[in-house]
Amino acid sequence: MTVRVAFDEDECQLIARLACADISSVEEVEKTFIDLNIALSKIDENLGNSDICFFLVELKAKGVRPGYGAFDPYEGANSLGAGNPWKVFCPPFWTKACSLPHLRQRAKDYMRRVEHTLKLAATHSRSTDSLWEDDETQFGQPLATHLALLDIEFVPDLVRLLPMWDPGHDVHIQGAISEIVEKHGVRAETEALLTTFTEWSGSDELITS
């Protein structure tokens, strides 16, 4: 298994590409988590490069077509093409990982690793606030949203990531949080998410709507 790094000059986007040979195999899923962490390390190494505006982890799995996860921010009406961050993180891989306790822990550990990358990005003098996958999607947002919708246990991960994103240019977070609250109901985890959103955005529009 390998991680390949490519730079899309037209999109100013660095893409770390990797693949899972078989998402039905626990062993292959575990191996893929090793590569996922390597992919983040490669992104970390390039955070100081001012020519790169966007960073993307592209995960493929044999026999799995790219597609939206639990949240579709474009409601099926987008034209972003092959590099759509909401499709390329391989939602079925993460759904599989969440189905088994020890793999779910690997997913939680990976979200902590995403948090590390966002904190590291904040130490660089980048031209944009926070870190982005494309010009509408904050780094880690598609995966964090998918996991939070799949399992209430991942909502605290989204709560931790939210303050590290840029509230001034966000596009998708209100719709995502609305769906998360609708899915899981009002409970401690979603209340914390709503409170963090209000503090982060400076608006209670989501809560009062």
N, C-alpha and C. Protein backbone atom coordinates (compact mmCIF):
# COMPACT_ATOMS: atom_id res chain seq x y z
N MET A 1 0.85 -1.19 0.00
CA MET A 1 0.00 0.00 0.00
C MET A 1 0.88 1.24 0.00
N THR A 2 0.47 2.22 -0.78
CA THR A 2 1.26 3.43 -0.90
C THR A 2 0.36 4.66 -0.88
N VAL A 3 0.99 5.79 -0.56
CA VAL A 3 0.31 7.08 -0.64
C VAL A 3 1.02 7.89 -1.71
N ARG A 4 0.27 8.34 -2.70
CA ARG A 4 0.82 9.14 -3.78
C ARG A 4 0.36 10.58 -3.60
N VAL A 5 1.30 11.49 -3.77
CA VAL A 5 0.98 12.91 -3.63
C VAL A 5 1.08 13.58 -4.99
N ALA A 6 0.03 14.31 -5.34
CA ALA A 6 0.00 15.02 -6.62
C ALA A 6 -0.40 16.47 -6.37
N PHE A 7 0.09 17.36 -7.23
CA PHE A 7 -0.28 18.77 -7.12
C PHE A 7 -1.03 19.18 -8.38
N ASP A 8 -2.28 19.59 -8.21
CA ASP A 8 -3.10 20.08 -9.31
C ASP A 8 -2.84 21.58 -9.43
N GLU A 9 -2.03 21.95 -10.39
CA GLU A 9 -1.61 23.36 -10.53
C GLU A 9 -2.80 24.26 -10.84
N ASP A 10 -3.73 23.77 -11.66
CA ASP A 10 -4.89 24.59 -12.03
C ASP A 10 -5.76 24.90 -10.82
N GLU A 11 -5.90 23.92 -9.92
CA GLU A 11 -6.75 24.10 -8.74
C GLU A 11 -5.96 24.54 -7.51
N CYS A 12 -4.64 24.62 -7.64
CA CYS A 12 -3.76 24.95 -6.50
C CYS A 12 -4.02 24.00 -5.33
N GLN A 13 -4.17 22.73 -5.66
CA GLN A 13 -4.61 21.74 -4.68
C GLN A 13 -3.62 20.58 -4.60
N LEU A 14 -3.18 20.27 -3.39
CA LEU A 14 -2.37 19.08 -3.16
C LEU A 14 -3.30 17.93 -2.78
N ILE A 15 -3.13 16.80 -3.46
CA ILE A 15 -3.98 15.64 -3.24
C ILE A 15 -3.13 14.46 -2.80
N ALA A 16 -3.43 13.92 -1.62
CA ALA A 16 -2.78 12.70 -1.15
C ALA A 16 -3.72 11.54 -1.47
N ARG A 17 -3.29 10.66 -2.37
CA ARG A 17 -4.15 9.58 -2.86
C ARG A 17 -3.72 8.24 -2.27
N LEU A 18 -4.72 7.45 -1.87
CA LEU A 18 -4.46 6.11 -1.34
C LEU A 18 -5.66 5.24 -1.63
N ALA A 19 -5.51 3.93 -1.40
CA ALA A 19 -6.58 3.00 -1.72
C ALA A 19 -6.67 1.89 -0.68
N CYS A 20 -7.89 1.41 -0.48
CA CYS A 20 -8.13 0.22 0.35
C CYS A 20 -8.43 -0.93 -0.60
N ALA A 21 -7.71 -2.02 -0.46
CA ALA A 21 -7.87 -3.15 -1.38
C ALA A 21 -9.21 -3.85 -1.21
N ASP A 22 -9.76 -3.84 0.01
CA ASP A 22 -11.00 -4.59 0.26
C ASP A 22 -11.63 -4.09 1.55
N ILE A 23 -12.72 -3.32 1.44
CA ILE A 23 -13.32 -2.78 2.66
C ILE A 23 -14.08 -3.85 3.45
N SER A 24 -14.25 -5.04 2.89
CA SER A 24 -14.88 -6.12 3.65
C SER A 24 -13.88 -6.85 4.53
N SER A 25 -12.58 -6.55 4.35
CA SER A 25 -11.53 -7.19 5.12
C SER A 25 -11.07 -6.28 6.25
N VAL A 26 -11.21 -6.74 7.48
CA VAL A 26 -10.76 -5.95 8.63
C VAL A 26 -9.27 -5.66 8.53
N GLU A 27 -8.50 -6.63 8.09
CA GLU A 27 -7.06 -6.45 7.96
C GLU A 27 -6.74 -5.33 6.97
N GLU A 28 -7.43 -5.31 5.83
CA GLU A 28 -7.17 -4.28 4.83
C GLU A 28 -7.61 -2.90 5.31
N VAL A 29 -8.70 -2.85 6.04
CA VAL A 29 -9.15 -1.57 6.60
C VAL A 29 -8.12 -1.05 7.59
N GLU A 30 -7.59 -1.92 8.43
CA GLU A 30 -6.56 -1.51 9.39
C GLU A 30 -5.32 -1.01 8.68
N LYS A 31 -4.92 -1.68 7.60
CA LYS A 31 -3.77 -1.23 6.84
C LYS A 31 -4.02 0.15 6.24
N THR A 32 -5.25 0.38 5.82
CA THR A 32 -5.58 1.66 5.20
C THR A 32 -5.47 2.80 6.20
N PHE A 33 -5.78 2.53 7.46
CA PHE A 33 -5.63 3.57 8.47
C PHE A 33 -4.16 4.00 8.61
N ILE A 34 -3.25 3.08 8.43
CA ILE A 34 -1.82 3.44 8.44
C ILE A 34 -1.53 4.44 7.33
N ASP A 35 -2.05 4.16 6.14
CA ASP A 35 -1.82 5.05 5.00
C ASP A 35 -2.55 6.38 5.18
N LEU A 36 -3.70 6.36 5.79
CA LEU A 36 -4.41 7.61 6.04
C LEU A 36 -3.59 8.55 6.91
N ASN A 37 -2.93 8.00 7.91
CA ASN A 37 -2.08 8.83 8.76
C ASN A 37 -0.84 9.31 8.01
N ILE A 38 -0.32 8.47 7.13
CA ILE A 38 0.81 8.89 6.29
C ILE A 38 0.38 10.04 5.39
N ALA A 39 -0.83 9.95 4.85
CA ALA A 39 -1.36 11.01 3.99
C ALA A 39 -1.40 12.34 4.74
N LEU A 40 -1.85 12.32 5.98
CA LEU A 40 -1.88 13.56 6.76
C LEU A 40 -0.47 14.07 7.04
N SER A 41 0.47 13.17 7.25
CA SER A 41 1.86 13.59 7.46
C SER A 41 2.42 14.29 6.23
N LYS A 42 2.05 13.78 5.05
CA LYS A 42 2.50 14.40 3.82
C LYS A 42 1.88 15.79 3.63
N ILE A 43 0.64 15.93 4.05
CA ILE A 43 0.02 17.25 4.03
C ILE A 43 0.72 18.18 5.01
N ASP A 44 1.01 17.68 6.21
CA ASP A 44 1.73 18.48 7.21
C ASP A 44 3.03 19.05 6.63
N GLU A 45 3.72 18.22 5.86
CA GLU A 45 5.01 18.62 5.30
C GLU A 45 4.89 19.76 4.29
N ASN A 46 3.70 19.96 3.76
CA ASN A 46 3.51 20.96 2.71
C ASN A 46 2.70 22.18 3.16
N LEU A 47 2.41 22.28 4.43
CA LEU A 47 1.59 23.39 4.91
C LEU A 47 2.27 24.74 4.73
N GLY A 48 3.58 24.73 4.67
CA GLY A 48 4.31 25.99 4.50
C GLY A 48 4.45 26.43 3.06
N ASN A 49 3.95 25.64 2.12
CA ASN A 49 4.07 25.96 0.70
C ASN A 49 2.95 26.93 0.29
N SER A 50 3.31 28.16 -0.01
CA SER A 50 2.32 29.19 -0.32
C SER A 50 1.64 28.98 -1.67
N ASP A 51 2.18 28.10 -2.49
CA ASP A 51 1.57 27.82 -3.79
C ASP A 51 0.36 26.89 -3.67
N ILE A 52 0.22 26.24 -2.52
CA ILE A 52 -0.87 25.29 -2.32
C ILE A 52 -1.97 25.96 -1.49
N CYS A 53 -3.14 26.09 -2.09
CA CYS A 53 -4.27 26.70 -1.40
C CYS A 53 -5.16 25.67 -0.72
N PHE A 54 -5.22 24.47 -1.30
CA PHE A 54 -6.16 23.45 -0.83
C PHE A 54 -5.46 22.10 -0.67
N PHE A 55 -5.95 21.33 0.30
CA PHE A 55 -5.37 20.02 0.61
C PHE A 55 -6.49 18.99 0.67
N LEU A 56 -6.26 17.84 0.06
CA LEU A 56 -7.31 16.84 -0.04
C LEU A 56 -6.74 15.44 0.16
N VAL A 57 -7.41 14.62 0.96
CA VAL A 57 -7.09 13.20 1.08
C VAL A 57 -8.12 12.45 0.24
N GLU A 58 -7.64 11.79 -0.80
CA GLU A 58 -8.53 11.05 -1.71
C GLU A 58 -8.36 9.56 -1.47
N LEU A 59 -9.43 8.94 -0.97
CA LEU A 59 -9.41 7.52 -0.65
C LEU A 59 -10.31 6.76 -1.61
N LYS A 60 -9.76 5.72 -2.22
CA LYS A 60 -10.56 4.85 -3.08
C LYS A 60 -10.57 3.45 -2.49
N ALA A 61 -11.57 2.68 -2.88
CA ALA A 61 -11.65 1.28 -2.45
C ALA A 61 -12.08 0.45 -3.65
N LYS A 62 -11.50 -0.71 -3.77
CA LYS A 62 -11.81 -1.59 -4.90
C LYS A 62 -13.30 -1.91 -4.93
N GLY A 63 -13.90 -1.69 -6.10
CA GLY A 63 -15.31 -2.01 -6.28
C GLY A 63 -16.28 -0.99 -5.74
N VAL A 64 -15.77 0.13 -5.21
CA VAL A 64 -16.63 1.16 -4.63
C VAL A 64 -16.58 2.42 -5.49
N ARG A 65 -17.73 2.86 -5.95
CA ARG A 65 -17.80 4.06 -6.76
C ARG A 65 -17.81 5.30 -5.87
N PRO A 66 -17.17 6.39 -6.29
CA PRO A 66 -17.24 7.63 -5.51
C PRO A 66 -18.68 8.09 -5.36
N GLY A 67 -19.02 8.61 -4.22
CA GLY A 67 -20.38 9.09 -4.00
C GLY A 67 -20.50 9.79 -2.67
N TYR A 68 -21.60 10.48 -2.48
CA TYR A 68 -21.80 11.22 -1.24
C TYR A 68 -21.98 10.29 -0.06
N GLY A 69 -21.63 10.82 1.11
CA GLY A 69 -21.85 10.10 2.35
C GLY A 69 -23.20 10.42 2.93
N ALA A 70 -23.27 10.52 4.25
CA ALA A 70 -24.54 10.75 4.93
C ALA A 70 -25.07 12.15 4.70
N PHE A 71 -24.22 13.06 4.22
CA PHE A 71 -24.63 14.44 3.97
C PHE A 71 -24.24 14.85 2.57
N ASP A 72 -25.20 15.34 1.81
CA ASP A 72 -24.97 15.85 0.46
C ASP A 72 -25.22 17.35 0.47
N PRO A 73 -24.17 18.17 0.52
CA PRO A 73 -24.38 19.62 0.63
C PRO A 73 -24.97 20.25 -0.62
N TYR A 74 -24.89 19.54 -1.73
CA TYR A 74 -25.39 20.09 -2.99
C TYR A 74 -26.72 19.50 -3.40
N GLU A 75 -27.25 18.58 -2.61
CA GLU A 75 -28.53 17.94 -2.87
C GLU A 75 -28.60 17.39 -4.29
N GLY A 76 -27.49 16.77 -4.70
CA GLY A 76 -27.43 16.11 -6.00
C GLY A 76 -27.28 17.03 -7.18
N ALA A 77 -27.09 18.34 -6.93
CA ALA A 77 -27.06 19.29 -8.05
C ALA A 77 -25.73 20.02 -8.15
N ASN A 78 -24.62 19.29 -8.01
CA ASN A 78 -23.33 19.96 -8.08
C ASN A 78 -22.61 19.60 -9.38
N SER A 79 -21.63 20.41 -9.71
CA SER A 79 -20.85 20.16 -10.94
C SER A 79 -19.35 20.27 -10.66
N LEU A 80 -18.96 19.81 -9.48
CA LEU A 80 -17.56 19.95 -9.09
C LEU A 80 -16.65 18.92 -9.74
N GLY A 81 -17.22 17.88 -10.33
CA GLY A 81 -16.41 16.90 -11.03
C GLY A 81 -15.72 15.92 -10.10
N ALA A 82 -14.62 15.34 -10.60
CA ALA A 82 -13.96 14.24 -9.91
C ALA A 82 -13.33 14.66 -8.59
N GLY A 83 -12.99 15.93 -8.43
CA GLY A 83 -12.31 16.38 -7.22
C GLY A 83 -13.23 16.86 -6.12
N ASN A 84 -14.50 16.52 -6.18
CA ASN A 84 -15.46 16.95 -5.17
C ASN A 84 -15.09 16.37 -3.81
N PRO A 85 -14.71 17.19 -2.83
CA PRO A 85 -14.30 16.67 -1.51
C PRO A 85 -15.37 15.85 -0.81
N TRP A 86 -16.63 16.09 -1.14
CA TRP A 86 -17.73 15.39 -0.47
C TRP A 86 -17.94 13.99 -1.04
N LYS A 87 -17.18 13.64 -2.09
CA LYS A 87 -17.30 12.31 -2.69
C LYS A 87 -16.03 11.47 -2.56
N VAL A 88 -14.87 12.12 -2.47
CA VAL A 88 -13.62 11.38 -2.63
C VAL A 88 -13.05 10.80 -1.34
N PHE A 89 -13.75 10.95 -0.20
CA PHE A 89 -13.21 10.39 1.05
C PHE A 89 -13.69 8.96 1.28
N CYS A 90 -14.44 8.39 0.32
CA CYS A 90 -14.91 7.01 0.34
C CYS A 90 -15.80 6.73 1.56
N PRO A 91 -17.00 7.30 1.59
CA PRO A 91 -17.91 7.08 2.73
C PRO A 91 -18.11 5.62 3.12
N PRO A 92 -18.22 4.65 2.16
CA PRO A 92 -18.42 3.26 2.58
C PRO A 92 -17.28 2.72 3.45
N PHE A 93 -16.05 3.20 3.22
CA PHE A 93 -14.93 2.77 4.06
C PHE A 93 -15.19 3.16 5.51
N TRP A 94 -15.61 4.40 5.72
CA TRP A 94 -15.82 4.90 7.08
C TRP A 94 -17.05 4.28 7.72
N THR A 95 -18.06 4.00 6.91
CA THR A 95 -19.24 3.31 7.44
C THR A 95 -18.85 1.92 7.93
N LYS A 96 -18.00 1.24 7.18
CA LYS A 96 -17.50 -0.06 7.59
C LYS A 96 -16.68 0.06 8.88
N ALA A 97 -15.81 1.05 8.95
CA ALA A 97 -14.97 1.22 10.13
C ALA A 97 -15.80 1.47 11.38
N CYS A 98 -16.92 2.19 11.21
CA CYS A 98 -17.76 2.49 12.37
C CYS A 98 -18.58 1.30 12.83
N SER A 99 -18.63 0.25 12.02
CA SER A 99 -19.47 -0.89 12.36
C SER A 99 -18.82 -1.86 13.34
N LEU A 100 -17.52 -1.71 13.58
CA LEU A 100 -16.80 -2.60 14.49
C LEU A 100 -16.09 -1.76 15.55
N PRO A 101 -16.20 -2.13 16.83
CA PRO A 101 -15.68 -1.28 17.91
C PRO A 101 -14.21 -0.88 17.76
N HIS A 102 -13.32 -1.84 17.46
CA HIS A 102 -11.90 -1.47 17.43
C HIS A 102 -11.57 -0.62 16.20
N LEU A 103 -12.32 -0.81 15.12
CA LEU A 103 -12.11 0.05 13.95
C LEU A 103 -12.72 1.43 14.18
N ARG A 104 -13.82 1.49 14.93
CA ARG A 104 -14.40 2.78 15.27
C ARG A 104 -13.39 3.61 16.06
N GLN A 105 -12.63 2.95 16.92
CA GLN A 105 -11.59 3.66 17.67
C GLN A 105 -10.50 4.18 16.74
N ARG A 106 -10.18 3.42 15.70
CA ARG A 106 -9.20 3.89 14.73
C ARG A 106 -9.71 5.14 14.02
N ALA A 107 -11.02 5.17 13.74
CA ALA A 107 -11.61 6.35 13.12
C ALA A 107 -11.55 7.55 14.07
N LYS A 108 -11.81 7.31 15.35
CA LYS A 108 -11.70 8.40 16.33
C LYS A 108 -10.27 8.91 16.42
N ASP A 109 -9.32 8.00 16.42
CA ASP A 109 -7.91 8.40 16.47
C ASP A 109 -7.54 9.23 15.23
N TYR A 110 -8.08 8.84 14.09
CA TYR A 110 -7.79 9.58 12.86
C TYR A 110 -8.35 11.00 12.94
N MET A 111 -9.53 11.17 13.51
CA MET A 111 -10.09 12.51 13.65
C MET A 111 -9.23 13.36 14.56
N ARG A 112 -8.64 12.76 15.57
CA ARG A 112 -7.69 13.50 16.41
C ARG A 112 -6.47 13.91 15.59
N ARG A 113 -6.08 13.05 14.65
CA ARG A 113 -4.93 13.36 13.79
C ARG A 113 -5.27 14.51 12.83
N VAL A 114 -6.51 14.56 12.35
CA VAL A 114 -6.96 15.69 11.54
C VAL A 114 -6.88 16.98 12.36
N GLU A 115 -7.28 16.88 13.61
CA GLU A 115 -7.21 18.02 14.52
C GLU A 115 -5.77 18.52 14.65
N HIS A 116 -4.83 17.60 14.74
CA HIS A 116 -3.41 17.96 14.81
C HIS A 116 -2.98 18.74 13.56
N THR A 117 -3.42 18.29 12.38
CA THR A 117 -3.05 18.98 11.15
C THR A 117 -3.62 20.39 11.12
N LEU A 118 -4.85 20.57 11.59
CA LEU A 118 -5.44 21.91 11.63
C LEU A 118 -4.69 22.82 12.60
N LYS A 119 -4.29 22.28 13.73
CA LYS A 119 -3.51 23.07 14.69
C LYS A 119 -2.16 23.44 14.10
N LEU A 120 -1.55 22.51 13.40
CA LEU A 120 -0.26 22.78 12.78
C LEU A 120 -0.40 23.85 11.70
N ALA A 121 -1.47 23.80 10.93
CA ALA A 121 -1.69 24.80 9.88
C ALA A 121 -1.79 26.20 10.48
N ALA A 122 -2.34 26.29 11.68
CA ALA A 122 -2.50 27.59 12.33
C ALA A 122 -1.16 28.23 12.70
N THR A 123 -0.10 27.42 12.74
CA THR A 123 1.22 27.95 13.08
C THR A 123 1.94 28.50 11.86
N HIS A 124 1.37 28.31 10.67
CA HIS A 124 1.97 28.81 9.44
C HIS A 124 1.26 30.10 9.00
N SER A 125 1.98 30.95 8.32
CA SER A 125 1.39 32.19 7.83
C SER A 125 0.76 31.94 6.46
N ARG A 126 -0.37 31.27 6.48
CA ARG A 126 -1.05 30.94 5.25
C ARG A 126 -1.92 32.11 4.79
N SER A 127 -2.22 32.15 3.50
CA SER A 127 -2.97 33.26 2.93
C SER A 127 -4.46 33.20 3.27
N THR A 128 -4.93 32.04 3.73
CA THR A 128 -6.34 31.89 4.09
C THR A 128 -6.45 31.49 5.55
N ASP A 129 -7.55 31.88 6.17
CA ASP A 129 -7.82 31.42 7.53
C ASP A 129 -8.14 29.94 7.49
N SER A 130 -7.67 29.21 8.46
CA SER A 130 -7.90 27.77 8.57
C SER A 130 -7.31 27.04 7.38
N LEU A 131 -7.81 25.84 7.12
CA LEU A 131 -7.31 24.99 6.05
C LEU A 131 -8.51 24.51 5.25
N TRP A 132 -8.32 24.38 3.95
CA TRP A 132 -9.45 24.11 3.07
C TRP A 132 -9.16 22.92 2.15
N GLU A 133 -10.23 22.20 1.77
CA GLU A 133 -10.12 21.13 0.78
C GLU A 133 -10.38 21.68 -0.63
N ASP A 134 -11.34 22.59 -0.74
CA ASP A 134 -11.53 23.39 -1.94
C ASP A 134 -12.07 24.73 -1.47
N ASP A 135 -12.52 25.59 -2.39
CA ASP A 135 -12.88 26.94 -1.97
C ASP A 135 -14.22 27.03 -1.24
N GLU A 136 -14.89 25.88 -1.02
CA GLU A 136 -16.13 25.88 -0.26
C GLU A 136 -16.09 24.93 0.94
N THR A 137 -15.06 24.12 1.03
CA THR A 137 -15.06 23.02 1.99
C THR A 137 -13.85 23.08 2.91
N GLN A 138 -14.09 23.16 4.20
CA GLN A 138 -13.00 23.25 5.16
C GLN A 138 -12.37 21.87 5.38
N PHE A 139 -11.11 21.87 5.74
CA PHE A 139 -10.36 20.62 5.82
C PHE A 139 -10.95 19.69 6.88
N GLY A 140 -11.29 18.47 6.46
CA GLY A 140 -11.87 17.48 7.36
C GLY A 140 -13.37 17.56 7.48
N GLN A 141 -13.99 18.56 6.85
CA GLN A 141 -15.42 18.77 7.02
C GLN A 141 -16.29 17.65 6.46
N PRO A 142 -16.04 17.15 5.26
CA PRO A 142 -16.90 16.07 4.75
C PRO A 142 -16.87 14.82 5.63
N LEU A 143 -15.67 14.43 6.04
CA LEU A 143 -15.54 13.23 6.87
C LEU A 143 -16.16 13.44 8.24
N ALA A 144 -15.87 14.57 8.87
CA ALA A 144 -16.40 14.83 10.21
C ALA A 144 -17.92 14.86 10.19
N THR A 145 -18.50 15.43 9.15
CA THR A 145 -19.95 15.49 9.02
C THR A 145 -20.54 14.11 8.83
N HIS A 146 -19.92 13.32 7.95
CA HIS A 146 -20.40 11.95 7.70
C HIS A 146 -20.39 11.12 8.98
N LEU A 147 -19.28 11.18 9.71
CA LEU A 147 -19.16 10.38 10.93
C LEU A 147 -20.15 10.85 12.00
N ALA A 148 -20.34 12.16 12.12
CA ALA A 148 -21.26 12.68 13.13
C ALA A 148 -22.70 12.28 12.83
N LEU A 149 -23.03 12.14 11.56
CA LEU A 149 -24.37 11.68 11.20
C LEU A 149 -24.51 10.17 11.41
N LEU A 150 -23.43 9.43 11.19
CA LEU A 150 -23.47 7.99 11.37
C LEU A 150 -23.64 7.59 12.83
N ASP A 151 -22.93 8.29 13.72
CA ASP A 151 -22.84 7.84 15.11
C ASP A 151 -22.68 9.05 16.03
N ILE A 152 -23.53 9.14 17.03
CA ILE A 152 -23.49 10.25 17.98
C ILE A 152 -22.12 10.37 18.65
N GLU A 153 -21.38 9.27 18.73
CA GLU A 153 -20.07 9.29 19.38
C GLU A 153 -19.08 10.21 18.66
N PHE A 154 -19.34 10.51 17.38
CA PHE A 154 -18.42 11.35 16.61
C PHE A 154 -18.80 12.83 16.63
N VAL A 155 -19.93 13.16 17.22
CA VAL A 155 -20.31 14.58 17.29
C VAL A 155 -19.28 15.39 18.08
N PRO A 156 -18.72 14.89 19.19
CA PRO A 156 -17.68 15.66 19.89
C PRO A 156 -16.46 15.96 19.02
N ASP A 157 -16.15 15.09 18.05
CA ASP A 157 -15.04 15.39 17.15
C ASP A 157 -15.35 16.62 16.31
N LEU A 158 -16.58 16.72 15.83
CA LEU A 158 -16.99 17.89 15.07
C LEU A 158 -16.97 19.14 15.95
N VAL A 159 -17.36 18.99 17.20
CA VAL A 159 -17.33 20.11 18.14
C VAL A 159 -15.90 20.64 18.30
N ARG A 160 -14.92 19.75 18.35
CA ARG A 160 -13.53 20.18 18.51
C ARG A 160 -12.98 20.83 17.24
N LEU A 161 -13.40 20.32 16.07
CA LEU A 161 -12.89 20.85 14.81
C LEU A 161 -13.48 22.22 14.48
N LEU A 162 -14.73 22.41 14.82
CA LEU A 162 -15.45 23.62 14.41
C LEU A 162 -14.72 24.92 14.74
N PRO A 163 -14.19 25.11 15.96
CA PRO A 163 -13.51 26.37 16.26
C PRO A 163 -12.22 26.58 15.47
N MET A 164 -11.70 25.52 14.85
CA MET A 164 -10.47 25.65 14.08
C MET A 164 -10.73 25.98 12.61
N TRP A 165 -12.01 26.03 12.22
CA TRP A 165 -12.38 26.39 10.86
C TRP A 165 -12.68 27.87 10.77
N ASP A 166 -12.89 28.35 9.57
CA ASP A 166 -13.08 29.78 9.30
C ASP A 166 -14.58 30.10 9.22
N PRO A 167 -15.13 30.83 10.19
CA PRO A 167 -16.56 31.13 10.16
C PRO A 167 -16.93 32.16 9.10
N GLY A 168 -15.96 32.94 8.66
CA GLY A 168 -16.26 34.03 7.73
C GLY A 168 -16.59 33.59 6.33
N HIS A 169 -16.15 32.38 5.95
CA HIS A 169 -16.35 31.94 4.57
C HIS A 169 -16.98 30.55 4.49
N ASP A 170 -17.63 30.13 5.55
CA ASP A 170 -18.21 28.79 5.54
C ASP A 170 -19.42 28.74 4.62
N VAL A 171 -19.62 27.58 4.00
CA VAL A 171 -20.73 27.39 3.07
C VAL A 171 -21.70 26.31 3.55
N HIS A 172 -21.18 25.25 4.17
CA HIS A 172 -21.99 24.05 4.37
C HIS A 172 -22.37 23.74 5.82
N ILE A 173 -21.76 24.40 6.80
CA ILE A 173 -21.87 23.90 8.17
C ILE A 173 -23.29 24.00 8.74
N GLN A 174 -24.02 25.06 8.41
CA GLN A 174 -25.37 25.19 8.98
C GLN A 174 -26.27 24.03 8.55
N GLY A 175 -26.23 23.70 7.26
CA GLY A 175 -27.04 22.58 6.79
C GLY A 175 -26.63 21.28 7.43
N ALA A 176 -25.31 21.09 7.61
CA ALA A 176 -24.81 19.86 8.22
C ALA A 176 -25.27 19.74 9.67
N ILE A 177 -25.14 20.82 10.43
CA ILE A 177 -25.52 20.77 11.84
C ILE A 177 -27.03 20.55 11.97
N SER A 178 -27.80 21.18 11.11
CA SER A 178 -29.25 20.98 11.16
C SER A 178 -29.60 19.51 10.98
N GLU A 179 -28.93 18.84 10.03
CA GLU A 179 -29.21 17.42 9.80
C GLU A 179 -28.74 16.56 10.97
N ILE A 180 -27.61 16.93 11.58
CA ILE A 180 -27.10 16.16 12.72
C ILE A 180 -28.07 16.25 13.90
N VAL A 181 -28.58 17.45 14.18
CA VAL A 181 -29.52 17.61 15.29
C VAL A 181 -30.82 16.89 14.98
N GLU A 182 -31.27 16.97 13.73
CA GLU A 182 -32.49 16.25 13.36
C GLU A 182 -32.31 14.75 13.50
N LYS A 183 -31.13 14.25 13.15
CA LYS A 183 -30.87 12.80 13.20
C LYS A 183 -30.81 12.30 14.64
N HIS A 184 -30.08 13.00 15.49
CA HIS A 184 -29.81 12.49 16.85
C HIS A 184 -30.69 13.11 17.93
N GLY A 185 -31.40 14.18 17.60
CA GLY A 185 -32.23 14.84 18.59
C GLY A 185 -31.41 15.76 19.49
N VAL A 186 -32.09 16.43 20.39
CA VAL A 186 -31.42 17.34 21.33
C VAL A 186 -30.95 16.53 22.53
N ARG A 187 -29.65 16.42 22.66
CA ARG A 187 -29.04 15.69 23.76
C ARG A 187 -27.72 16.37 24.06
N ALA A 188 -26.97 15.87 25.02
CA ALA A 188 -25.77 16.58 25.46
C ALA A 188 -24.82 16.88 24.31
N GLU A 189 -24.60 15.89 23.44
CA GLU A 189 -23.62 16.07 22.36
C GLU A 189 -24.08 17.13 21.35
N THR A 190 -25.37 17.08 20.98
CA THR A 190 -25.85 18.05 20.00
C THR A 190 -26.02 19.44 20.62
N GLU A 191 -26.35 19.50 21.89
CA GLU A 191 -26.40 20.80 22.56
C GLU A 191 -25.02 21.45 22.58
N ALA A 192 -23.98 20.66 22.81
CA ALA A 192 -22.61 21.19 22.78
C ALA A 192 -22.27 21.68 21.38
N LEU A 193 -22.74 20.96 20.36
CA LEU A 193 -22.49 21.37 18.98
C LEU A 193 -23.18 22.69 18.68
N LEU A 194 -24.43 22.83 19.09
CA LEU A 194 -25.16 24.07 18.86
C LEU A 194 -24.52 25.25 19.59
N THR A 195 -24.09 25.02 20.83
CA THR A 195 -23.44 26.09 21.60
C THR A 195 -22.13 26.51 20.94
N THR A 196 -21.35 25.53 20.50
CA THR A 196 -20.08 25.84 19.84
C THR A 196 -20.31 26.58 18.54
N PHE A 197 -21.33 26.17 17.78
CA PHE A 197 -21.65 26.87 16.54
C PHE A 197 -22.01 28.33 16.80
N THR A 198 -22.81 28.58 17.83
CA THR A 198 -23.22 29.95 18.16
C THR A 198 -22.01 30.80 18.53
N GLU A 199 -21.11 30.24 19.34
CA GLU A 199 -19.91 30.98 19.74
C GLU A 199 -18.98 31.22 18.56
N TRP A 200 -18.88 30.22 17.69
CA TRP A 200 -17.98 30.27 16.54
C TRP A 200 -18.46 31.25 15.48
N SER A 201 -19.76 31.19 15.19
CA SER A 201 -20.32 32.00 14.11
C SER A 201 -20.78 33.38 14.57
N GLY A 202 -21.01 33.52 15.88
CA GLY A 202 -21.54 34.78 16.39
C GLY A 202 -23.01 34.97 16.05
N SER A 203 -23.68 33.87 15.73
CA SER A 203 -25.08 33.94 15.35
C SER A 203 -25.85 32.78 15.96
N ASP A 204 -27.11 33.06 16.35
CA ASP A 204 -27.96 31.98 16.83
C ASP A 204 -29.03 31.63 15.81
N GLU A 205 -28.77 31.98 14.55
CA GLU A 205 -29.74 31.75 13.48
C GLU A 205 -30.15 30.28 13.39
N LEU A 206 -29.15 29.38 13.52
CA LEU A 206 -29.44 27.95 13.40
C LEU A 206 -30.35 27.49 14.52
N ILE A 207 -30.11 27.98 15.72
CA ILE A 207 -30.86 27.53 16.90
C ILE A 207 -32.31 28.05 16.86
N THR A 208 -32.50 29.28 16.40
CA THR A 208 -33.81 29.91 16.47
C THR A 208 -34.64 29.69 15.22
N SER A 209 -34.02 29.11 14.17
CA SER A 209 -34.78 28.92 12.93
C SER A 209 -35.76 27.77 13.03
